[in-house]
PDB file of N, CA and C in Angstrom:
ATOM      1  N   MET A   1       7.150   4.911 -14.003  1.00  0.00           N
ATOM      2  CA  MET A   1       6.594   3.528 -14.343  1.00  0.00           C
ATOM      3  C   MET A   1       6.198   2.554 -12.878  1.00  0.00           C
ATOM      4  N   THR A   2       4.991   2.183 -12.186  1.00  0.00           N
ATOM      5  CA  THR A   2       5.017   1.480 -11.471  1.00  0.00           C
ATOM      6  C   THR A   2       5.073   0.046 -11.137  1.00  0.00           C
ATOM      7  N   GLU A   3       5.822  -0.985 -10.046  1.00  0.00           N
ATOM      8  CA  GLU A   3       5.630  -2.378 -10.731  1.00  0.00           C
ATOM      9  C   GLU A   3       5.432  -2.873  -9.088  1.00  0.00           C
ATOM     10  N   ILE A   4       4.525  -3.507  -8.889  1.00  0.00           N
ATOM     11  CA  ILE A   4       4.448  -4.005  -7.622  1.00  0.00           C
ATOM     12  C   ILE A   4       4.406  -5.845  -7.936  1.00  0.00           C
ATOM     13  N   LEU A   5       5.162  -6.383  -6.794  1.00  0.00           N
ATOM     14  CA  LEU A   5       5.106  -7.542  -6.795  1.00  0.00           C
ATOM     15  C   LEU A   5       4.990  -7.913  -5.439  1.00  0.00           C
ATOM     16  N   THR A   6       4.679  -9.021  -6.165  1.00  0.00           N
ATOM     17  CA  THR A   6       3.717  -9.861  -4.927  1.00  0.00           C
ATOM     18  C   THR A   6       3.904 -11.443  -5.132  1.00  0.00           C
ATOM     19  N   MET A   7       3.723 -12.416  -2.941  1.00  0.00           N
ATOM     20  CA  MET A   7       4.500 -13.594  -3.499  1.00  0.00           C
ATOM     21  C   MET A   7       2.692 -14.367  -3.153  1.00  0.00           C
ATOM     22  N   SER A   8       2.610 -15.487  -3.954  1.00  0.00           N
ATOM     23  CA  SER A   8       1.248 -16.598  -3.671  1.00  0.00           C
ATOM     24  C   SER A   8       1.646 -17.445  -3.540  1.00  0.00           C
ATOM     25  N   ASP A   9       0.543 -18.582  -3.545  1.00  0.00           N
ATOM     26  CA  ASP A   9       0.541 -20.432  -4.084  1.00  0.00           C
ATOM     27  C   ASP A   9       0.261 -20.035  -5.156  1.00  0.00           C
ATOM     28  N   ALA A  10       1.320 -20.980  -5.925  1.00  0.00           N
ATOM     29  CA  ALA A  10       1.157 -20.812  -7.558  1.00  0.00           C
ATOM     30  C   ALA A  10       0.013 -21.724  -7.739  1.00  0.00           C
ATOM     31  N   ASN A  11      -0.619 -21.125  -9.195  1.00  0.00           N
ATOM     32  CA  ASN A  11      -1.735 -21.475 -10.061  1.00  0.00           C
ATOM     33  C   ASN A  11      -1.365 -21.607 -11.066  1.00  0.00           C
ATOM     34  N   PRO A  12      -1.463 -23.185 -12.080  1.00  0.00           N
ATOM     35  CA  PRO A  12      -1.432 -23.458 -13.046  1.00  0.00           C
ATOM     36  C   PRO A  12      -1.898 -22.437 -14.205  1.00  0.00           C
ATOM     37  N   ASP A  13      -2.996 -21.720 -14.188  1.00  0.00           N
ATOM     38  CA  ASP A  13      -3.430 -20.323 -14.798  1.00  0.00           C
ATOM     39  C   ASP A  13      -2.642 -19.251 -14.846  1.00  0.00           C
ATOM     40  N   GLU A  14      -1.756 -19.353 -14.151  1.00  0.00           N
ATOM     41  CA  GLU A  14      -0.877 -17.410 -13.967  1.00  0.00           C
ATOM     42  C   GLU A  14      -0.630 -17.507 -15.563  1.00  0.00           C
ATOM     43  N   ASP A  15      -0.339 -15.981 -15.744  1.00  0.00           N
ATOM     44  CA  ASP A  15       0.356 -15.787 -16.624  1.00  0.00           C
ATOM     45  C   ASP A  15       1.856 -15.341 -16.943  1.00  0.00           C
ATOM     46  N   ALA A  16       2.153 -14.632 -17.793  1.00  0.00           N
ATOM     47  CA  ALA A  16       3.485 -14.916 -17.907  1.00  0.00           C
ATOM     48  C   ALA A  16       4.579 -14.089 -17.168  1.00  0.00           C
ATOM     49  N   PHE A  17       3.839 -12.965 -16.404  1.00  0.00           N
ATOM     50  CA  PHE A  17       4.751 -12.453 -15.267  1.00  0.00           C
ATOM     51  C   PHE A  17       4.390 -12.652 -13.960  1.00  0.00           C
ATOM     52  N   THR A  18       4.685 -14.203 -14.294  1.00  0.00           N
ATOM     53  CA  THR A  18       4.791 -15.148 -12.626  1.00  0.00           C
ATOM     54  C   THR A  18       6.384 -15.339 -12.716  1.00  0.00           C
ATOM     55  N   ILE A  19       6.959 -15.697 -11.441  1.00  0.00           N
ATOM     56  CA  ILE A  19       8.239 -16.135 -11.686  1.00  0.00           C
ATOM     57  C   ILE A  19       8.497 -17.361 -10.295  1.00  0.00           C
ATOM     58  N   GLU A  20       8.201 -18.786 -10.754  1.00  0.00           N
ATOM     59  CA  GLU A  20       8.256 -19.432 -10.024  1.00  0.00           C
ATOM     60  C   GLU A  20       9.332 -19.820  -9.084  1.00  0.00           C
ATOM     61  N   ILE A  21       9.160 -19.931  -7.957  1.00  0.00           N
ATOM     62  CA  ILE A  21      10.312 -20.043  -6.515  1.00  0.00           C
ATOM     63  C   ILE A  21      10.644 -20.766  -5.802  1.00  0.00           C
ATOM     64  N   ASN A  22      11.982 -21.479  -5.462  1.00  0.00           N
ATOM     65  CA  ASN A  22      11.971 -22.423  -4.401  1.00  0.00           C
ATOM     66  C   ASN A  22      11.813 -21.427  -2.999  1.00  0.00           C
ATOM     67  N   THR A  23      10.819 -22.091  -1.964  1.00  0.00           N
ATOM     68  CA  THR A  23      10.980 -21.625  -0.757  1.00  0.00           C
ATOM     69  C   THR A  23      11.085 -23.082   0.223  1.00  0.00           C
ATOM     70  N   GLY A  24      11.590 -23.895  -0.154  1.00  0.00           N
ATOM     71  CA  GLY A  24      12.452 -24.919   0.739  1.00  0.00           C
ATOM     72  C   GLY A  24      11.328 -26.170   1.236  1.00  0.00           C
ATOM     73  N   ASP A  25      10.186 -25.639   0.535  1.00  0.00           N
ATOM     74  CA  ASP A  25       8.873 -26.746   0.777  1.00  0.00           C
ATOM     75  C   ASP A  25       8.458 -27.056  -0.374  1.00  0.00           C
ATOM     76  N   ALA A  26       8.941 -28.712  -0.792  1.00  0.00           N
ATOM     77  CA  ALA A  26       7.922 -29.151  -2.014  1.00  0.00           C
ATOM     78  C   ALA A  26       7.031 -29.350  -2.072  1.00  0.00           C
ATOM     79  N   SER A  27       6.416 -29.538  -1.408  1.00  0.00           N
ATOM     80  CA  SER A  27       4.614 -29.527  -1.475  1.00  0.00           C
ATOM     81  C   SER A  27       4.083 -28.337  -1.882  1.00  0.00           C
ATOM     82  N   LYS A  28       4.427 -27.185  -1.498  1.00  0.00           N
ATOM     83  CA  LYS A  28       3.937 -26.107  -1.835  1.00  0.00           C
ATOM     84  C   LYS A  28       4.520 -25.241  -2.910  1.00  0.00           C
ATOM     85  N   LYS A  29       4.355 -25.004  -3.764  1.00  0.00           N
ATOM     86  CA  LYS A  29       5.145 -23.828  -5.089  1.00  0.00           C
ATOM     87  C   LYS A  29       4.437 -22.833  -4.539  1.00  0.00           C
ATOM     88  N   ARG A  30       5.395 -21.729  -4.884  1.00  0.00           N
ATOM     89  CA  ARG A  30       4.909 -20.302  -4.562  1.00  0.00           C
ATOM     90  C   ARG A  30       5.357 -19.048  -5.891  1.00  0.00           C
ATOM     91  N   VAL A  31       4.962 -18.362  -6.098  1.00  0.00           N
ATOM     92  CA  VAL A  31       5.234 -17.595  -7.033  1.00  0.00           C
ATOM     93  C   VAL A  31       5.402 -15.984  -6.802  1.00  0.00           C
ATOM     94  N   ILE A  32       6.384 -15.367  -7.572  1.00  0.00           N
ATOM     95  CA  ILE A  32       6.157 -14.077  -7.445  1.00  0.00           C
ATOM     96  C   ILE A  32       5.714 -12.887  -8.671  1.00  0.00           C
ATOM     97  N   LYS A  33       4.331 -12.546  -8.415  1.00  0.00           N
ATOM     98  CA  LYS A  33       3.905 -11.895 -10.233  1.00  0.00           C
ATOM     99  C   LYS A  33       4.035 -10.587  -9.845  1.00  0.00           C
ATOM    100  N   MET A  34       4.676 -10.019 -11.000  1.00  0.00           N
ATOM    101  CA  MET A  34       4.432  -8.742 -11.257  1.00  0.00           C
ATOM    102  C   MET A  34       3.567  -8.200 -12.329  1.00  0.00           C
ATOM    103  N   ASP A  35       3.493  -7.091 -11.590  1.00  0.00           N
ATOM    104  CA  ASP A  35       2.365  -6.186 -11.949  1.00  0.00           C
ATOM    105  C   ASP A  35       2.583  -4.545 -12.591  1.00  0.00           C
ATOM    106  N   LYS A  36       1.952  -4.398 -13.358  1.00  0.00           N
ATOM    107  CA  LYS A  36       2.570  -2.874 -13.783  1.00  0.00           C
ATOM    108  C   LYS A  36       1.200  -2.270 -14.032  1.00  0.00           C
ATOM    109  N   PRO A  37       0.572  -1.698 -13.194  1.00  0.00           N
ATOM    110  CA  PRO A  37      -0.753  -1.196 -13.151  1.00  0.00           C
ATOM    111  C   PRO A  37      -0.683   0.175 -13.664  1.00  0.00           C
ATOM    112  N   VAL A  38      -1.504   0.597 -14.745  1.00  0.00           N
ATOM    113  CA  VAL A  38      -1.452   2.074 -15.418  1.00  0.00           C
ATOM    114  C   VAL A  38      -2.051   3.134 -14.180  1.00  0.00           C
ATOM    115  N   ILE A  39      -1.375   4.240 -13.796  1.00  0.00           N
ATOM    116  CA  ILE A  39      -1.491   5.327 -12.447  1.00  0.00           C
ATOM    117  C   ILE A  39      -1.814   6.332 -13.378  1.00  0.00           C
ATOM    118  N   THR A  40      -3.066   7.146 -13.130  1.00  0.00           N
ATOM    119  CA  THR A  40      -2.878   8.142 -13.524  1.00  0.00           C
ATOM    120  C   THR A  40      -2.743   8.903 -12.539  1.00  0.00           C
ATOM    121  N   PRO A  41      -1.633  10.473 -12.578  1.00  0.00           N
ATOM    122  CA  PRO A  41      -1.251  11.458 -12.236  1.00  0.00           C
ATOM    123  C   PRO A  41      -2.549  12.185 -11.431  1.00  0.00           C
ATOM    124  N   VAL A  42      -2.314  12.300 -10.145  1.00  0.00           N
ATOM    125  CA  VAL A  42      -3.472  12.803  -9.784  1.00  0.00           C
ATOM    126  C   VAL A  42      -2.869  14.134  -8.201  1.00  0.00           C
ATOM    127  N   ASN A  43      -3.219  14.777  -8.246  1.00  0.00           N
ATOM    128  CA  ASN A  43      -3.053  15.963  -6.714  1.00  0.00           C
ATOM    129  C   ASN A  43      -4.066  15.475  -5.825  1.00  0.00           C
ATOM    130  N   ALA A  44      -3.048  14.817  -4.932  1.00  0.00           N
ATOM    131  CA  ALA A  44      -3.673  14.021  -4.194  1.00  0.00           C
ATOM    132  C   ALA A  44      -4.534  14.738  -2.990  1.00  0.00           C
ATOM    133  N   ILE A  45      -3.706  15.637  -2.679  1.00  0.00           N
ATOM    134  CA  ILE A  45      -4.022  16.763  -1.738  1.00  0.00           C
ATOM    135  C   ILE A  45      -5.257  17.681  -1.982  1.00  0.00           C
ATOM    136  N   LYS A  46      -5.753  18.111  -3.417  1.00  0.00           N
ATOM    137  CA  LYS A  46      -6.773  18.237  -4.039  1.00  0.00           C
ATOM    138  C   LYS A  46      -7.778  17.578  -3.660  1.00  0.00           C
ATOM    139  N   MET A  47      -7.535  16.065  -4.233  1.00  0.00           N
ATOM    140  CA  MET A  47      -9.098  14.927  -4.383  1.00  0.00           C
ATOM    141  C   MET A  47      -9.453  14.762  -2.922  1.00  0.00           C
ATOM    142  N   GLU A  48      -8.399  15.058  -1.845  1.00  0.00           N
ATOM    143  CA  GLU A  48      -8.749  14.597  -0.249  1.00  0.00           C
ATOM    144  C   GLU A  48      -9.423  15.773   0.175  1.00  0.00           C
ATOM    145  N   LEU A  49      -9.072  17.224  -0.136  1.00  0.00           N
ATOM    146  CA  LEU A  49      -9.897  18.198   0.184  1.00  0.00           C
ATOM    147  C   LEU A  49     -11.292  18.551  -0.368  1.00  0.00           C
ATOM    148  N   GLU A  50     -11.300  17.701  -1.832  1.00  0.00           N
ATOM    149  CA  GLU A  50     -12.560  17.939  -2.687  1.00  0.00           C
ATOM    150  C   GLU A  50     -13.673  16.872  -1.798  1.00  0.00           C
ATOM    151  N   GLN A  51     -12.886  15.857  -1.908  1.00  0.00           N
ATOM    152  CA  GLN A  51     -13.779  14.550  -0.775  1.00  0.00           C
ATOM    153  C   GLN A  51     -14.430  14.720   0.140  1.00  0.00           C
ATOM    154  N   PHE A  52     -13.698  15.814   1.117  1.00  0.00           N
ATOM    155  CA  PHE A  52     -14.132  16.571   2.301  1.00  0.00           C
ATOM    156  C   PHE A  52     -15.235  17.536   2.820  1.00  0.00           C
ATOM    157  N   ALA A  53     -14.803  18.146   1.493  1.00  0.00           N
ATOM    158  CA  ALA A  53     -15.779  18.945   1.296  1.00  0.00           C
ATOM    159  C   ALA A  53     -17.064  18.911   0.641  1.00  0.00           C
ATOM    160  N   LYS A  54     -17.282  17.793  -0.295  1.00  0.00           N
ATOM    161  CA  LYS A  54     -18.002  16.606  -0.736  1.00  0.00           C
ATOM    162  C   LYS A  54     -19.304  15.707   0.389  1.00  0.00           C
ATOM    163  N   ALA A  55     -18.388  15.877   1.516  1.00  0.00           N
ATOM    164  CA  ALA A  55     -18.956  14.798   2.675  1.00  0.00           C
ATOM    165  C   ALA A  55     -19.531  15.864   2.875  1.00  0.00           C
ATOM    166  N   ILE A  56     -18.732  17.300   3.538  1.00  0.00           N
ATOM    167  CA  ILE A  56     -19.428  18.228   4.680  1.00  0.00           C
ATOM    168  C   ILE A  56     -21.188  18.341   3.878  1.00  0.00           C
ATOM    169  N   ILE A  57     -20.876  18.893   2.554  1.00  0.00           N
ATOM    170  CA  ILE A  57     -21.906  19.354   1.424  1.00  0.00           C
ATOM    171  C   ILE A  57     -23.375  18.595   1.665  1.00  0.00           C
ATOM    172  N   ASN A  58     -22.731  17.305   1.514  1.00  0.00           N
ATOM    173  CA  ASN A  58     -23.946  16.152   1.026  1.00  0.00           C
ATOM    174  C   ASN A  58     -24.239  15.200   2.914  1.00  0.00           C
ATOM    175  N   ASP A  59     -23.761  15.886   3.927  1.00  0.00           N
ATOM    176  CA  ASP A  59     -23.586  15.221   5.116  1.00  0.00           C
ATOM    177  C   ASP A  59     -23.890  13.540   5.383  1.00  0.00           C
ATOM    178  N   THR A  60     -22.474  13.602   4.564  1.00  0.00           N
ATOM    179  CA  THR A  60     -22.288  11.729   4.118  1.00  0.00           C
ATOM    180  C   THR A  60     -20.801  11.768   5.116  1.00  0.00           C
ATOM    181  N   ASP A  61     -20.346  10.370   4.897  1.00  0.00           N
ATOM    182  CA  ASP A  61     -18.899  10.091   6.023  1.00  0.00           C
ATOM    183  C   ASP A  61     -18.147  10.096   4.612  1.00  0.00           C
ATOM    184  N   THR A  62     -16.753  10.911   5.356  1.00  0.00           N
ATOM    185  CA  THR A  62     -15.310  11.012   4.607  1.00  0.00           C
ATOM    186  C   THR A  62     -15.035   9.988   3.915  1.00  0.00           C
ATOM    187  N   PRO A  63     -14.259   9.319   3.191  1.00  0.00           N
ATOM    188  CA  PRO A  63     -13.701   8.381   3.079  1.00  0.00           C
ATOM    189  C   PRO A  63     -13.188   7.370   3.897  1.00  0.00           C
ATOM    190  N   VAL A  64     -12.113   8.599   4.537  1.00  0.00           N
ATOM    191  CA  VAL A  64     -10.987   8.440   5.906  1.00  0.00           C
ATOM    192  C   VAL A  64     -11.831   8.837   7.456  1.00  0.00           C
ATOM    193  N   THR A  65     -11.894   7.114   7.920  1.00  0.00           N
ATOM    194  CA  THR A  65     -12.494   7.985   9.954  1.00  0.00           C
ATOM    195  C   THR A  65     -11.629   8.754  10.468  1.00  0.00           C
ATOM    196  N   ILE A  66     -12.226   9.205  11.040  1.00  0.00           N
ATOM    197  CA  ILE A  66     -11.179   9.919  11.961  1.00  0.00           C
ATOM    198  C   ILE A  66     -10.162   9.044  12.864  1.00  0.00           C
ATOM    199  N   GLU A  67     -10.335   7.420  13.134  1.00  0.00           N
ATOM    200  CA  GLU A  67      -9.997   6.054  13.371  1.00  0.00           C
ATOM    201  C   GLU A  67      -8.526   6.273  12.750  1.00  0.00           C
ATOM    202  N   ASP A  68      -8.915   5.829  11.197  1.00  0.00           N
ATOM    203  CA  ASP A  68      -7.892   5.880  10.449  1.00  0.00           C
ATOM    204  C   ASP A  68      -6.749   6.464  10.301  1.00  0.00           C
ATOM    205  N   GLY A  69      -7.295   8.001  10.494  1.00  0.00           N
ATOM    206  CA  GLY A  69      -6.522   9.053  10.235  1.00  0.00           C
ATOM    207  C   GLY A  69      -5.644   8.828  11.739  1.00  0.00           C
ATOM    208  N   TYR A  70      -6.322   8.990  12.845  1.00  0.00           N
ATOM    209  CA  TYR A  70      -4.920   8.866  14.215  1.00  0.00           C
ATOM    210  C   TYR A  70      -4.590   7.630  13.899  1.00  0.00           C
ATOM    211  N   ARG A  71      -4.739   6.467  13.604  1.00  0.00           N
ATOM    212  CA  ARG A  71      -3.926   5.459  13.140  1.00  0.00           C
ATOM    213  C   ARG A  71      -2.656   5.688  12.104  1.00  0.00           C
ATOM    214  N   ALA A  72      -3.158   6.607  11.290  1.00  0.00           N
ATOM    215  CA  ALA A  72      -2.058   7.059  10.067  1.00  0.00           C
ATOM    216  C   ALA A  72      -1.096   7.896  10.840  1.00  0.00           C
ATOM    217  N   LEU A  73      -1.569   8.825  11.808  1.00  0.00           N
ATOM    218  CA  LEU A  73      -0.824   9.922  12.767  1.00  0.00           C
ATOM    219  C   LEU A  73      -0.190   8.903  13.785  1.00  0.00           C
ATOM    220  N   GLN A  74      -0.420   8.249  14.512  1.00  0.00           N
ATOM    221  CA  GLN A  74       0.289   7.281  15.218  1.00  0.00           C
ATOM    222  C   GLN A  74       1.537   6.446  14.394  1.00  0.00           C
ATOM    223  N   VAL A  75       1.202   5.929  13.020  1.00  0.00           N
ATOM    224  CA  VAL A  75       2.488   4.865  12.464  1.00  0.00           C
ATOM    225  C   VAL A  75       3.605   6.045  12.276  1.00  0.00           C
ATOM    226  N   ALA A  76       2.956   7.178  11.571  1.00  0.00           N
ATOM    227  CA  ALA A  76       3.911   8.503  11.093  1.00  0.00           C
ATOM    228  C   ALA A  76       4.573   9.347  12.589  1.00  0.00           C
ATOM    229  N   HIS A  77       4.378   9.265  13.461  1.00  0.00           N
ATOM    230  CA  HIS A  77       4.862   9.694  14.877  1.00  0.00           C
ATOM    231  C   HIS A  77       5.831   8.448  15.190  1.00  0.00           C
ATOM    232  N   MET A  78       5.288   7.062  15.004  1.00  0.00           N
ATOM    233  CA  MET A  78       6.755   5.705  15.328  1.00  0.00           C
ATOM    234  C   MET A  78       7.634   6.159  14.713  1.00  0.00           C
ATOM    235  N   ILE A  79       6.830   6.376  13.071  1.00  0.00           N
ATOM    236  CA  ILE A  79       8.389   6.298  12.479  1.00  0.00           C
ATOM    237  C   ILE A  79       9.753   7.354  12.443  1.00  0.00           C
ATOM    238  N   LEU A  80       9.009   8.834  12.819  1.00  0.00           N
ATOM    239  CA  LEU A  80       9.756   9.593  13.254  1.00  0.00           C
ATOM    240  C   LEU A  80      10.447   9.645  14.231  1.00  0.00           C
ATOM    241  N   HIS A  81      10.025   8.692  15.363  1.00  0.00           N
ATOM    242  CA  HIS A  81      10.654   8.482  16.243  1.00  0.00           C
ATOM    243  C   HIS A  81      11.576   7.538  16.541  1.00  0.00           C
ATOM    244  N   LYS A  82      11.736   6.424  15.157  1.00  0.00           N
ATOM    245  CA  LYS A  82      12.666   5.804  14.904  1.00  0.00           C
ATOM    246  C   LYS A  82      13.560   6.294  14.090  1.00  0.00           C
ATOM    247  N   ILE A  83      13.262   7.538  13.296  1.00  0.00           N
ATOM    248  CA  ILE A  83      14.639   8.206  12.806  1.00  0.00           C
ATOM    249  C   ILE A  83      15.080   8.780  13.673  1.00  0.00           C
ATOM    250  N   GLU A  84      14.483   9.558  14.547  1.00  0.00           N
ATOM    251  CA  GLU A  84      14.975  10.054  15.617  1.00  0.00           C
ATOM    252  C   GLU A  84      16.070   9.410  16.436  1.00  0.00           C
ATOM    253  N   LYS A  85      15.584   8.340  16.920  1.00  0.00           N
ATOM    254  CA  LYS A  85      16.350   7.449  17.726  1.00  0.00           C
ATOM    255  C   LYS A  85      17.865   7.241  16.656  1.00  0.00           C
ATOM    256  N   ASN A  86      17.675   6.770  15.533  1.00  0.00           N
ATOM    257  CA  ASN A  86      18.675   6.128  14.832  1.00  0.00           C
ATOM    258  C   ASN A  86      19.977   7.126  14.805  1.00  0.00           C
ATOM    259  N   VAL A  87      19.379   8.760  14.065  1.00  0.00           N
ATOM    260  CA  VAL A  87      19.860   9.774  13.900  1.00  0.00           C
ATOM    261  C   VAL A  87      20.688  10.065  15.192  1.00  0.00           C
ATOM    262  N   ALA A  88      20.144   9.898  16.300  1.00  0.00           N
ATOM    263  CA  ALA A  88      21.233  10.155  17.938  1.00  0.00           C
ATOM    264  C   ALA A  88      22.345   9.108  18.134  1.00  0.00           C
ATOM    265  N   TYR A  89      21.730   7.752  16.849  1.00  0.00           N
ATOM    266  CA  TYR A  89      22.753   6.865  17.775  1.00  0.00           C
ATOM    267  C   TYR A  89      24.432   7.203  16.110  1.00  0.00           C
ATOM    268  N   ARG A  90      24.537   8.368  15.621  1.00  0.00           N
ATOM    269  CA  ARG A  90      25.237   8.407  14.562  1.00  0.00           C
ATOM    270  C   ARG A  90      26.391   9.142  15.228  1.00  0.00           C
TER     271      ARG A  90
END
C-alpha cells in the first residue's frame, strides 16, 4: 500500500485525512495531508517499450524526451558518485 504525505496551507474544507501542524508562524496554518492512491501494478519496462514501439510505428513523440532521459541519467550518475564517495570514507 502506498501513502503520499504532502504539506500545504490549511484549507477549511480539508478532509479527515489532514493533520494541522504548528510551523512557528501563527499567521499561517499548515497541514499535512495523507493520501492513499490506488495503484495498479504494471510491468514498467514492458510498458515503456510498448510506448516506444508505438511512437515509432505512429511517427509520434515518445512520452519522455531525449532531454528528459539525459537529465535522468545525470541524476543517476550523481547519486552513484555520492554513494561511491560515501563508501570510500568507511
